[in-house]
Amino acid sequence: MVRSIGAQLGLLAFALAIVAGLLAGNSPVTVLLRAMVVMVVASVVGQGLGWAAKSILRDHLQKKKLAMDQEHLAAVRQIQGPPEAAEEPQATTSAEAPAPGSAG
């Protein structure tokens, strides 16, 4: 993402510099040299902007995921009830359990 934004911004600046130089009536060598300098500078600036955007987006998504996880945990705890109310199941022994097939 960082390199992609830098490359896109650099190519856009290159194209704009060429158009501006041709409209100004500069020589082709001057136009290309200036366009290449502008492309390199814009690429570096674009990579810096891409890094900042990546950091901001990552932080935002981490906060959003944390909030979703907390909501999920609260919902699960609400469904399960408080820990003190949970009773452990009583294990039945073979003497207490009715024999299979016996009526009652």
PDB file of N, CA and C in Angstrom:
ATOM      1  N   MET A   1       0.815  -1.176   0.000  1.00  0.00           N
ATOM      2  CA  MET A   1       0.000   0.000   0.000  1.00  0.00           C
ATOM      3  C   MET A   1       0.873   1.261   0.000  1.00  0.00           C
ATOM      4  N   VAL A   2       1.924   1.259   0.775  1.00  0.00           N
ATOM      5  CA  VAL A   2       2.791   2.435   0.873  1.00  0.00           C
ATOM      6  C   VAL A   2       3.475   2.698  -0.468  1.00  0.00           C
ATOM      7  N   ARG A   3       4.040   1.660  -1.058  1.00  0.00           N
ATOM      8  CA  ARG A   3       4.716   1.824  -2.343  1.00  0.00           C
ATOM      9  C   ARG A   3       3.744   2.182  -3.452  1.00  0.00           C
ATOM     10  N   SER A   4       2.559   1.606  -3.378  1.00  0.00           N
ATOM     11  CA  SER A   4       1.555   1.866  -4.400  1.00  0.00           C
ATOM     12  C   SER A   4       1.144   3.336  -4.403  1.00  0.00           C
ATOM     13  N   ILE A   5       0.895   3.889  -3.245  1.00  0.00           N
ATOM     14  CA  ILE A   5       0.506   5.305  -3.165  1.00  0.00           C
ATOM     15  C   ILE A   5       1.659   6.188  -3.638  1.00  0.00           C
ATOM     16  N   GLY A   6       2.878   5.845  -3.252  1.00  0.00           N
ATOM     17  CA  GLY A   6       4.041   6.617  -3.701  1.00  0.00           C
ATOM     18  C   GLY A   6       4.202   6.581  -5.207  1.00  0.00           C
ATOM     19  N   ALA A   7       4.038   5.406  -5.803  1.00  0.00           N
ATOM     20  CA  ALA A   7       4.171   5.275  -7.257  1.00  0.00           C
ATOM     21  C   ALA A   7       3.066   6.033  -7.983  1.00  0.00           C
ATOM     22  N   GLN A   8       1.856   5.939  -7.493  1.00  0.00           N
ATOM     23  CA  GLN A   8       0.741   6.638  -8.141  1.00  0.00           C
ATOM     24  C   GLN A   8       0.926   8.146  -8.086  1.00  0.00           C
ATOM     25  N   LEU A   9       1.321   8.651  -6.920  1.00  0.00           N
ATOM     26  CA  LEU A   9       1.523  10.086  -6.787  1.00  0.00           C
ATOM     27  C   LEU A   9       2.699  10.547  -7.648  1.00  0.00           C
ATOM     28  N   GLY A  10       3.754   9.754  -7.717  1.00  0.00           N
ATOM     29  CA  GLY A  10       4.904  10.096  -8.553  1.00  0.00           C
ATOM     30  C   GLY A  10       4.555  10.148 -10.031  1.00  0.00           C
ATOM     31  N   LEU A  11       3.785   9.170 -10.492  1.00  0.00           N
ATOM     32  CA  LEU A  11       3.399   9.163 -11.911  1.00  0.00           C
ATOM     33  C   LEU A  11       2.435  10.306 -12.236  1.00  0.00           C
ATOM     34  N   LEU A  12       1.547  10.624 -11.319  1.00  0.00           N
ATOM     35  CA  LEU A  12       0.644  11.746 -11.532  1.00  0.00           C
ATOM     36  C   LEU A  12       1.429  13.053 -11.620  1.00  0.00           C
ATOM     37  N   ALA A  13       2.388  13.241 -10.727  1.00  0.00           N
ATOM     38  CA  ALA A  13       3.211  14.450 -10.747  1.00  0.00           C
ATOM     39  C   ALA A  13       4.043  14.513 -12.028  1.00  0.00           C
ATOM     40  N   PHE A  14       4.552  13.375 -12.479  1.00  0.00           N
ATOM     41  CA  PHE A  14       5.329  13.320 -13.718  1.00  0.00           C
ATOM     42  C   PHE A  14       4.480  13.776 -14.898  1.00  0.00           C
ATOM     43  N   ALA A  15       3.269  13.248 -14.999  1.00  0.00           N
ATOM     44  CA  ALA A  15       2.384  13.608 -16.107  1.00  0.00           C
ATOM     45  C   ALA A  15       2.018  15.091 -16.058  1.00  0.00           C
ATOM     46  N   LEU A  16       1.703  15.591 -14.865  1.00  0.00           N
ATOM     47  CA  LEU A  16       1.352  17.005 -14.745  1.00  0.00           C
ATOM     48  C   LEU A  16       2.540  17.905 -15.078  1.00  0.00           C
ATOM     49  N   ALA A  17       3.741  17.513 -14.702  1.00  0.00           N
ATOM     50  CA  ALA A  17       4.926  18.312 -14.997  1.00  0.00           C
ATOM     51  C   ALA A  17       5.194  18.340 -16.501  1.00  0.00           C
ATOM     52  N   ILE A  18       4.965  17.225 -17.174  1.00  0.00           N
ATOM     53  CA  ILE A  18       5.160  17.190 -18.628  1.00  0.00           C
ATOM     54  C   ILE A  18       4.145  18.099 -19.318  1.00  0.00           C
ATOM     55  N   VAL A  19       2.889  17.993 -18.921  1.00  0.00           N
ATOM     56  CA  VAL A  19       1.858  18.829 -19.534  1.00  0.00           C
ATOM     57  C   VAL A  19       2.149  20.308 -19.267  1.00  0.00           C
ATOM     58  N   ALA A  20       2.514  20.639 -18.036  1.00  0.00           N
ATOM     59  CA  ALA A  20       2.805  22.034 -17.701  1.00  0.00           C
ATOM     60  C   ALA A  20       4.015  22.547 -18.474  1.00  0.00           C
ATOM     61  N   GLY A  21       5.040  21.727 -18.603  1.00  0.00           N
ATOM     62  CA  GLY A  21       6.237  22.138 -19.333  1.00  0.00           C
ATOM     63  C   GLY A  21       5.968  22.324 -20.812  1.00  0.00           C
ATOM     64  N   LEU A  22       5.169  21.455 -21.412  1.00  0.00           N
ATOM     65  CA  LEU A  22       4.848  21.593 -22.831  1.00  0.00           C
ATOM     66  C   LEU A  22       3.965  22.817 -23.082  1.00  0.00           C
ATOM     67  N   LEU A  23       3.026  23.059 -22.166  1.00  0.00           N
ATOM     68  CA  LEU A  23       2.174  24.235 -22.318  1.00  0.00           C
ATOM     69  C   LEU A  23       2.971  25.531 -22.148  1.00  0.00           C
ATOM     70  N   ALA A  24       4.035  25.484 -21.341  1.00  0.00           N
ATOM     71  CA  ALA A  24       4.876  26.665 -21.133  1.00  0.00           C
ATOM     72  C   ALA A  24       5.835  26.888 -22.301  1.00  0.00           C
ATOM     73  N   GLY A  25       5.987  25.891 -23.167  1.00  0.00           N
ATOM     74  CA  GLY A  25       6.854  26.029 -24.332  1.00  0.00           C
ATOM     75  C   GLY A  25       8.311  25.739 -24.037  1.00  0.00           C
ATOM     76  N   ASN A  26       8.619  24.985 -23.013  1.00  0.00           N
ATOM     77  CA  ASN A  26      10.004  24.633 -22.690  1.00  0.00           C
ATOM     78  C   ASN A  26      10.516  23.567 -23.653  1.00  0.00           C
ATOM     79  N   SER A  27      11.843  23.430 -23.691  1.00  0.00           N
ATOM     80  CA  SER A  27      12.443  22.424 -24.568  1.00  0.00           C
ATOM     81  C   SER A  27      12.161  21.030 -23.999  1.00  0.00           C
ATOM     82  N   PRO A  28      12.124  20.000 -24.861  1.00  0.00           N
ATOM     83  CA  PRO A  28      11.822  18.642 -24.386  1.00  0.00           C
ATOM     84  C   PRO A  28      12.798  18.137 -23.316  1.00  0.00           C
ATOM     85  N   VAL A  29      14.073  18.477 -23.414  1.00  0.00           N
ATOM     86  CA  VAL A  29      15.051  18.033 -22.424  1.00  0.00           C
ATOM     87  C   VAL A  29      14.747  18.661 -21.070  1.00  0.00           C
ATOM     88  N   THR A  30      14.440  19.939 -21.059  1.00  0.00           N
ATOM     89  CA  THR A  30      14.115  20.634 -19.818  1.00  0.00           C
ATOM     90  C   THR A  30      12.848  20.062 -19.199  1.00  0.00           C
ATOM     91  N   VAL A  31      11.856  19.812 -20.049  1.00  0.00           N
ATOM     92  CA  VAL A  31      10.587  19.271 -19.560  1.00  0.00           C
ATOM     93  C   VAL A  31      10.806  17.911 -18.912  1.00  0.00           C
ATOM     94  N   LEU A  32      11.559  17.020 -19.577  1.00  0.00           N
ATOM     95  CA  LEU A  32      11.791  15.675 -19.035  1.00  0.00           C
ATOM     96  C   LEU A  32      12.636  15.694 -17.765  1.00  0.00           C
ATOM     97  N   LEU A  33      13.649  16.530 -17.712  1.00  0.00           N
ATOM     98  CA  LEU A  33      14.480  16.597 -16.505  1.00  0.00           C
ATOM     99  C   LEU A  33      13.671  17.096 -15.310  1.00  0.00           C
ATOM    100  N   ARG A  34      12.904  18.147 -15.527  1.00  0.00           N
ATOM    101  CA  ARG A  34      12.084  18.670 -14.432  1.00  0.00           C
ATOM    102  C   ARG A  34      11.002  17.662 -14.026  1.00  0.00           C
ATOM    103  N   ALA A  35      10.426  17.003 -15.007  1.00  0.00           N
ATOM    104  CA  ALA A  35       9.377  16.017 -14.712  1.00  0.00           C
ATOM    105  C   ALA A  35       9.948  14.852 -13.901  1.00  0.00           C
ATOM    106  N   MET A  36      11.185  14.426 -14.225  1.00  0.00           N
ATOM    107  CA  MET A  36      11.797  13.325 -13.475  1.00  0.00           C
ATOM    108  C   MET A  36      12.103  13.738 -12.039  1.00  0.00           C
ATOM    109  N   VAL A  37      12.578  14.968 -11.841  1.00  0.00           N
ATOM    110  CA  VAL A  37      12.851  15.459 -10.485  1.00  0.00           C
ATOM    111  C   VAL A  37      11.552  15.521  -9.688  1.00  0.00           C
ATOM    112  N   VAL A  38      10.502  16.056 -10.309  1.00  0.00           N
ATOM    113  CA  VAL A  38       9.207  16.155  -9.641  1.00  0.00           C
ATOM    114  C   VAL A  38       8.673  14.762  -9.324  1.00  0.00           C
ATOM    115  N   MET A  39       8.888  13.801 -10.235  1.00  0.00           N
ATOM    116  CA  MET A  39       8.403  12.430 -10.012  1.00  0.00           C
ATOM    117  C   MET A  39       9.086  11.800  -8.793  1.00  0.00           C
ATOM    118  N   VAL A  40      10.378  11.972  -8.657  1.00  0.00           N
ATOM    119  CA  VAL A  40      11.109  11.384  -7.534  1.00  0.00           C
ATOM    120  C   VAL A  40      10.658  12.018  -6.219  1.00  0.00           C
ATOM    121  N   VAL A  41      10.548  13.342  -6.207  1.00  0.00           N
ATOM    122  CA  VAL A  41      10.129  14.041  -4.986  1.00  0.00           C
ATOM    123  C   VAL A  41       8.708  13.632  -4.608  1.00  0.00           C
ATOM    124  N   ALA A  42       7.809  13.602  -5.596  1.00  0.00           N
ATOM    125  CA  ALA A  42       6.418  13.234  -5.317  1.00  0.00           C
ATOM    126  C   ALA A  42       6.309  11.776  -4.875  1.00  0.00           C
ATOM    127  N   SER A  43       7.160  10.918  -5.392  1.00  0.00           N
ATOM    128  CA  SER A  43       7.147   9.514  -4.979  1.00  0.00           C
ATOM    129  C   SER A  43       7.546   9.372  -3.512  1.00  0.00           C
ATOM    130  N   VAL A  44       8.568  10.107  -3.096  1.00  0.00           N
ATOM    131  CA  VAL A  44       8.999  10.066  -1.695  1.00  0.00           C
ATOM    132  C   VAL A  44       7.905  10.624  -0.788  1.00  0.00           C
ATOM    133  N   VAL A  45       7.312  11.751  -1.188  1.00  0.00           N
ATOM    134  CA  VAL A  45       6.226  12.344  -0.408  1.00  0.00           C
ATOM    135  C   VAL A  45       5.037  11.380  -0.362  1.00  0.00           C
ATOM    136  N   GLY A  46       4.720  10.744  -1.481  1.00  0.00           N
ATOM    137  CA  GLY A  46       3.615   9.790  -1.539  1.00  0.00           C
ATOM    138  C   GLY A  46       3.841   8.583  -0.639  1.00  0.00           C
ATOM    139  N   GLN A  47       5.088   8.125  -0.555  1.00  0.00           N
ATOM    140  CA  GLN A  47       5.375   7.009   0.343  1.00  0.00           C
ATOM    141  C   GLN A  47       5.204   7.422   1.798  1.00  0.00           C
ATOM    142  N   GLY A  48       5.583   8.648   2.111  1.00  0.00           N
ATOM    143  CA  GLY A  48       5.363   9.149   3.471  1.00  0.00           C
ATOM    144  C   GLY A  48       3.879   9.235   3.793  1.00  0.00           C
ATOM    145  N   LEU A  49       3.098   9.739   2.856  1.00  0.00           N
ATOM    146  CA  LEU A  49       1.654   9.813   3.046  1.00  0.00           C
ATOM    147  C   LEU A  49       1.038   8.414   3.142  1.00  0.00           C
ATOM    148  N   GLY A  50       1.541   7.493   2.337  1.00  0.00           N
ATOM    149  CA  GLY A  50       1.036   6.113   2.390  1.00  0.00           C
ATOM    150  C   GLY A  50       1.344   5.458   3.724  1.00  0.00           C
ATOM    151  N   TRP A  51       2.512   5.698   4.254  1.00  0.00           N
ATOM    152  CA  TRP A  51       2.870   5.144   5.564  1.00  0.00           C
ATOM    153  C   TRP A  51       1.960   5.704   6.645  1.00  0.00           C
ATOM    154  N   ALA A  52       1.702   7.026   6.576  1.00  0.00           N
ATOM    155  CA  ALA A  52       0.817   7.650   7.565  1.00  0.00           C
ATOM    156  C   ALA A  52      -0.601   7.097   7.453  1.00  0.00           C
ATOM    157  N   ALA A  53      -1.087   6.955   6.237  1.00  0.00           N
ATOM    158  CA  ALA A  53      -2.430   6.414   6.029  1.00  0.00           C
ATOM    159  C   ALA A  53      -2.524   4.977   6.527  1.00  0.00           C
ATOM    160  N   LYS A  54      -1.483   4.199   6.297  1.00  0.00           N
ATOM    161  CA  LYS A  54      -1.471   2.809   6.763  1.00  0.00           C
ATOM    162  C   LYS A  54      -1.521   2.749   8.292  1.00  0.00           C
ATOM    163  N   SER A  55      -0.752   3.611   8.947  1.00  0.00           N
ATOM    164  CA  SER A  55      -0.746   3.630  10.414  1.00  0.00           C
ATOM    165  C   SER A  55      -2.097   4.040  10.971  1.00  0.00           C
ATOM    166  N   ILE A  56      -2.692   5.065  10.386  1.00  0.00           N
ATOM    167  CA  ILE A  56      -3.996   5.541  10.850  1.00  0.00           C
ATOM    168  C   ILE A  56      -5.052   4.471  10.645  1.00  0.00           C
ATOM    169  N   LEU A  57      -5.052   3.848   9.481  1.00  0.00           N
ATOM    170  CA  LEU A  57      -6.040   2.809   9.188  1.00  0.00           C
ATOM    171  C   LEU A  57      -5.866   1.603  10.106  1.00  0.00           C
ATOM    172  N   ARG A  58      -4.625   1.190  10.344  1.00  0.00           N
ATOM    173  CA  ARG A  58      -4.362   0.049  11.213  1.00  0.00           C
ATOM    174  C   ARG A  58      -4.840   0.323  12.640  1.00  0.00           C
ATOM    175  N   ASP A  59      -4.539   1.518  13.146  1.00  0.00           N
ATOM    176  CA  ASP A  59      -4.972   1.874  14.501  1.00  0.00           C
ATOM    177  C   ASP A  59      -6.490   1.918  14.610  1.00  0.00           C
ATOM    178  N   HIS A  60      -7.146   2.484  13.608  1.00  0.00           N
ATOM    179  CA  HIS A  60      -8.608   2.560  13.617  1.00  0.00           C
ATOM    180  C   HIS A  60      -9.224   1.164  13.611  1.00  0.00           C
ATOM    181  N   LEU A  61      -8.703   0.288  12.754  1.00  0.00           N
ATOM    182  CA  LEU A  61      -9.259  -1.063  12.680  1.00  0.00           C
ATOM    183  C   LEU A  61      -8.988  -1.860  13.951  1.00  0.00           C
ATOM    184  N   GLN A  62      -7.845  -1.651  14.594  1.00  0.00           N
ATOM    185  CA  GLN A  62      -7.566  -2.333  15.856  1.00  0.00           C
ATOM    186  C   GLN A  62      -8.533  -1.885  16.948  1.00  0.00           C
ATOM    187  N   LYS A  63      -8.821  -0.585  17.010  1.00  0.00           N
ATOM    188  CA  LYS A  63      -9.777  -0.084  18.000  1.00  0.00           C
ATOM    189  C   LYS A  63     -11.175  -0.629  17.724  1.00  0.00           C
ATOM    190  N   LYS A  64     -11.546  -0.683  16.454  1.00  0.00           N
ATOM    191  CA  LYS A  64     -12.864  -1.191  16.092  1.00  0.00           C
ATOM    192  C   LYS A  64     -12.981  -2.673  16.445  1.00  0.00           C
ATOM    193  N   LYS A  65     -11.927  -3.447  16.183  1.00  0.00           N
ATOM    194  CA  LYS A  65     -11.949  -4.874  16.504  1.00  0.00           C
ATOM    195  C   LYS A  65     -12.013  -5.080  18.009  1.00  0.00           C
ATOM    196  N   LEU A  66     -11.280  -4.288  18.765  1.00  0.00           N
ATOM    197  CA  LEU A  66     -11.308  -4.395  20.225  1.00  0.00           C
ATOM    198  C   LEU A  66     -12.708  -4.101  20.758  1.00  0.00           C
ATOM    199  N   ALA A  67     -13.361  -3.085  20.215  1.00  0.00           N
ATOM    200  CA  ALA A  67     -14.722  -2.755  20.644  1.00  0.00           C
ATOM    201  C   ALA A  67     -15.684  -3.901  20.313  1.00  0.00           C
ATOM    202  N   MET A  68     -15.534  -4.500  19.139  1.00  0.00           N
ATOM    203  CA  MET A  68     -16.390  -5.631  18.759  1.00  0.00           C
ATOM    204  C   MET A  68     -16.146  -6.822  19.670  1.00  0.00           C
ATOM    205  N   ASP A  69     -14.888  -7.077  20.006  1.00  0.00           N
ATOM    206  CA  ASP A  69     -14.568  -8.191  20.899  1.00  0.00           C
ATOM    207  C   ASP A  69     -15.155  -7.970  22.294  1.00  0.00           C
ATOM    208  N   GLN A  70     -15.082  -6.735  22.781  1.00  0.00           N
ATOM    209  CA  GLN A  70     -15.645  -6.430  24.093  1.00  0.00           C
ATOM    210  C   GLN A  70     -17.167  -6.581  24.090  1.00  0.00           C
ATOM    211  N   GLU A  71     -17.834  -6.154  23.013  1.00  0.00           N
ATOM    212  CA  GLU A  71     -19.284  -6.327  22.910  1.00  0.00           C
ATOM    213  C   GLU A  71     -19.652  -7.804  22.871  1.00  0.00           C
ATOM    214  N   HIS A  72     -18.868  -8.585  22.137  1.00  0.00           N
ATOM    215  CA  HIS A  72     -19.121 -10.019  22.050  1.00  0.00           C
ATOM    216  C   HIS A  72     -18.950 -10.685  23.413  1.00  0.00           C
ATOM    217  N   LEU A  73     -17.893 -10.326  24.118  1.00  0.00           N
ATOM    218  CA  LEU A  73     -17.646 -10.894  25.442  1.00  0.00           C
ATOM    219  C   LEU A  73     -18.763 -10.529  26.411  1.00  0.00           C
ATOM    220  N   ALA A  74     -19.223  -9.281  26.347  1.00  0.00           N
ATOM    221  CA  ALA A  74     -20.323  -8.861  27.221  1.00  0.00           C
ATOM    222  C   ALA A  74     -21.599  -9.633  26.909  1.00  0.00           C
ATOM    223  N   ALA A  75     -21.854  -9.875  25.632  1.00  0.00           N
ATOM    224  CA  ALA A  75     -23.048 -10.632  25.252  1.00  0.00           C
ATOM    225  C   ALA A  75     -22.956 -12.078  25.718  1.00  0.00           C
ATOM    226  N   VAL A  76     -21.791 -12.674  25.596  1.00  0.00           N
ATOM    227  CA  VAL A  76     -21.607 -14.060  26.047  1.00  0.00           C
ATOM    228  C   VAL A  76     -21.779 -14.143  27.558  1.00  0.00           C
ATOM    229  N   ARG A  77     -21.217 -13.197  28.285  1.00  0.00           N
ATOM    230  CA  ARG A  77     -21.351 -13.209  29.748  1.00  0.00           C
ATOM    231  C   ARG A  77     -22.799 -12.998  30.167  1.00  0.00           C
ATOM    232  N   GLN A  78     -23.527 -12.183  29.420  1.00  0.00           N
ATOM    233  CA  GLN A  78     -24.934 -11.948  29.738  1.00  0.00           C
ATOM    234  C   GLN A  78     -25.749 -13.218  29.508  1.00  0.00           C
ATOM    235  N   ILE A  79     -25.447 -13.946  28.476  1.00  0.00           N
ATOM    236  CA  ILE A  79     -26.165 -15.188  28.190  1.00  0.00           C
ATOM    237  C   ILE A  79     -25.846 -16.241  29.247  1.00  0.00           C
ATOM    238  N   GLN A  80     -24.594 -16.346  29.626  1.00  0.00           N
ATOM    239  CA  GLN A  80     -24.178 -17.368  30.589  1.00  0.00           C
ATOM    240  C   GLN A  80     -24.608 -17.024  32.009  1.00  0.00           C
ATOM    241  N   GLY A  81     -24.814 -15.789  32.296  1.00  0.00           N
ATOM    242  CA  GLY A  81     -25.184 -15.392  33.646  1.00  0.00           C
ATOM    243  C   GLY A  81     -23.951 -15.192  34.502  1.00  0.00           C
ATOM    244  N   PRO A  82     -24.153 -14.738  35.744  1.00  0.00           N
ATOM    245  CA  PRO A  82     -22.996 -14.504  36.620  1.00  0.00           C
ATOM    246  C   PRO A  82     -22.323 -15.823  36.992  1.00  0.00           C
ATOM    247  N   PRO A  83     -21.033 -15.790  37.254  1.00  0.00           N
ATOM    248  CA  PRO A  83     -20.299 -17.021  37.568  1.00  0.00           C
ATOM    249  C   PRO A  83     -20.788 -17.705  38.837  1.00  0.00           C
ATOM    250  N   GLU A  84     -21.297 -16.953  39.828  1.00  0.00           N
ATOM    251  CA  GLU A  84     -21.740 -17.575  41.077  1.00  0.00           C
ATOM    252  C   GLU A  84     -23.010 -18.397  40.861  1.00  0.00           C
ATOM    253  N   ALA A  85     -23.839 -18.007  39.926  1.00  0.00           N
ATOM    254  CA  ALA A  85     -25.110 -18.689  39.700  1.00  0.00           C
ATOM    255  C   ALA A  85     -24.928 -20.012  38.958  1.00  0.00           C
ATOM    256  N   ALA A  86     -23.795 -20.196  38.340  1.00  0.00           N
ATOM    257  CA  ALA A  86     -23.570 -21.432  37.585  1.00  0.00           C
ATOM    258  C   ALA A  86     -23.371 -22.585  38.565  1.00  0.00           C
ATOM    259  N   GLU A  87     -24.201 -23.584  38.447  1.00  0.00           N
ATOM    260  CA  GLU A  87     -24.078 -24.759  39.310  1.00  0.00           C
ATOM    261  C   GLU A  87     -23.370 -25.864  38.560  1.00  0.00           C
ATOM    262  N   GLU A  88     -22.574 -26.603  39.295  1.00  0.00           N
ATOM    263  CA  GLU A  88     -21.898 -27.728  38.668  1.00  0.00           C
ATOM    264  C   GLU A  88     -22.858 -28.892  38.623  1.00  0.00           C
ATOM    265  N   PRO A  89     -22.900 -29.632  37.524  1.00  0.00           N
ATOM    266  CA  PRO A  89     -23.828 -30.759  37.428  1.00  0.00           C
ATOM    267  C   PRO A  89     -23.456 -31.863  38.411  1.00  0.00           C
ATOM    268  N   GLN A  90     -24.479 -32.459  39.010  1.00  0.00           N
ATOM    269  CA  GLN A  90     -24.267 -33.553  39.952  1.00  0.00           C
ATOM    270  C   GLN A  90     -24.024 -34.841  39.162  1.00  0.00           C
ATOM    271  N   ALA A  91     -22.967 -35.517  39.499  1.00  0.00           N
ATOM    272  CA  ALA A  91     -22.662 -36.778  38.831  1.00  0.00           C
ATOM    273  C   ALA A  91     -23.498 -37.887  39.478  1.00  0.00           C
ATOM    274  N   THR A  92     -24.133 -38.673  38.657  1.00  0.00           N
ATOM    275  CA  THR A  92     -24.934 -39.784  39.196  1.00  0.00           C
ATOM    276  C   THR A  92     -24.096 -41.047  39.194  1.00  0.00           C
ATOM    277  N   THR A  93     -24.254 -41.828  40.230  1.00  0.00           N
ATOM    278  CA  THR A  93     -23.526 -43.085  40.313  1.00  0.00           C
ATOM    279  C   THR A  93     -24.387 -44.189  39.719  1.00  0.00           C
ATOM    280  N   SER A  94     -23.801 -45.314  39.506  1.00  0.00           N
ATOM    281  CA  SER A  94     -24.552 -46.426  38.888  1.00  0.00           C
ATOM    282  C   SER A  94     -25.633 -46.951  39.830  1.00  0.00           C
ATOM    283  N   ALA A  95     -25.469 -46.771  41.140  1.00  0.00           N
ATOM    284  CA  ALA A  95     -26.486 -47.243  42.096  1.00  0.00           C
ATOM    285  C   ALA A  95     -27.714 -46.347  42.034  1.00  0.00           C
ATOM    286  N   GLU A  96     -27.525 -45.067  41.785  1.00  0.00           N
ATOM    287  CA  GLU A  96     -28.639 -44.146  41.733  1.00  0.00           C
ATOM    288  C   GLU A  96     -29.334 -44.165  40.384  1.00  0.00           C
ATOM    289  N   ALA A  97     -28.626 -44.484  39.349  1.00  0.00           N
ATOM    290  CA  ALA A  97     -29.212 -44.438  38.015  1.00  0.00           C
ATOM    291  C   ALA A  97     -30.097 -45.654  37.796  1.00  0.00           C
ATOM    292  N   PRO A  98     -31.255 -45.479  37.191  1.00  0.00           N
ATOM    293  CA  PRO A  98     -32.121 -46.635  36.908  1.00  0.00           C
ATOM    294  C   PRO A  98     -31.474 -47.530  35.863  1.00  0.00           C
ATOM    295  N   ALA A  99     -31.733 -48.778  35.959  1.00  0.00           N
ATOM    296  CA  ALA A  99     -31.174 -49.737  35.014  1.00  0.00           C
ATOM    297  C   ALA A  99     -31.840 -49.544  33.667  1.00  0.00           C
ATOM    298  N   PRO A 100     -31.106 -49.730  32.613  1.00  0.00           N
ATOM    299  CA  PRO A 100     -31.710 -49.565  31.294  1.00  0.00           C
ATOM    300  C   PRO A 100     -32.803 -50.598  31.077  1.00  0.00           C
ATOM    301  N   GLY A 101     -33.897 -50.160  30.526  1.00  0.00           N
ATOM    302  CA  GLY A 101     -35.017 -51.060  30.242  1.00  0.00           C
ATOM    303  C   GLY A 101     -35.944 -51.273  31.400  1.00  0.00           C
ATOM    304  N   SER A 102     -35.627 -50.774  32.619  1.00  0.00           N
ATOM    305  CA  SER A 102     -36.511 -50.983  33.756  1.00  0.00           C
ATOM    306  C   SER A 102     -37.553 -49.869  33.803  1.00  0.00           C
ATOM    307  N   ALA A 103     -38.703 -50.181  34.241  1.00  0.00           N
ATOM    308  CA  ALA A 103     -39.778 -49.199  34.334  1.00  0.00           C
ATOM    309  C   ALA A 103     -39.751 -48.601  35.714  1.00  0.00           C
ATOM    310  N   GLY A 104     -39.313 -47.435  35.831  1.00  0.00           N
ATOM    311  CA  GLY A 104     -39.349 -46.780  36.949  1.00  0.00           C
ATOM    312  C   GLY A 104     -39.109 -46.581  38.228  1.00  0.00           C
TER     313      GLY A 104
END
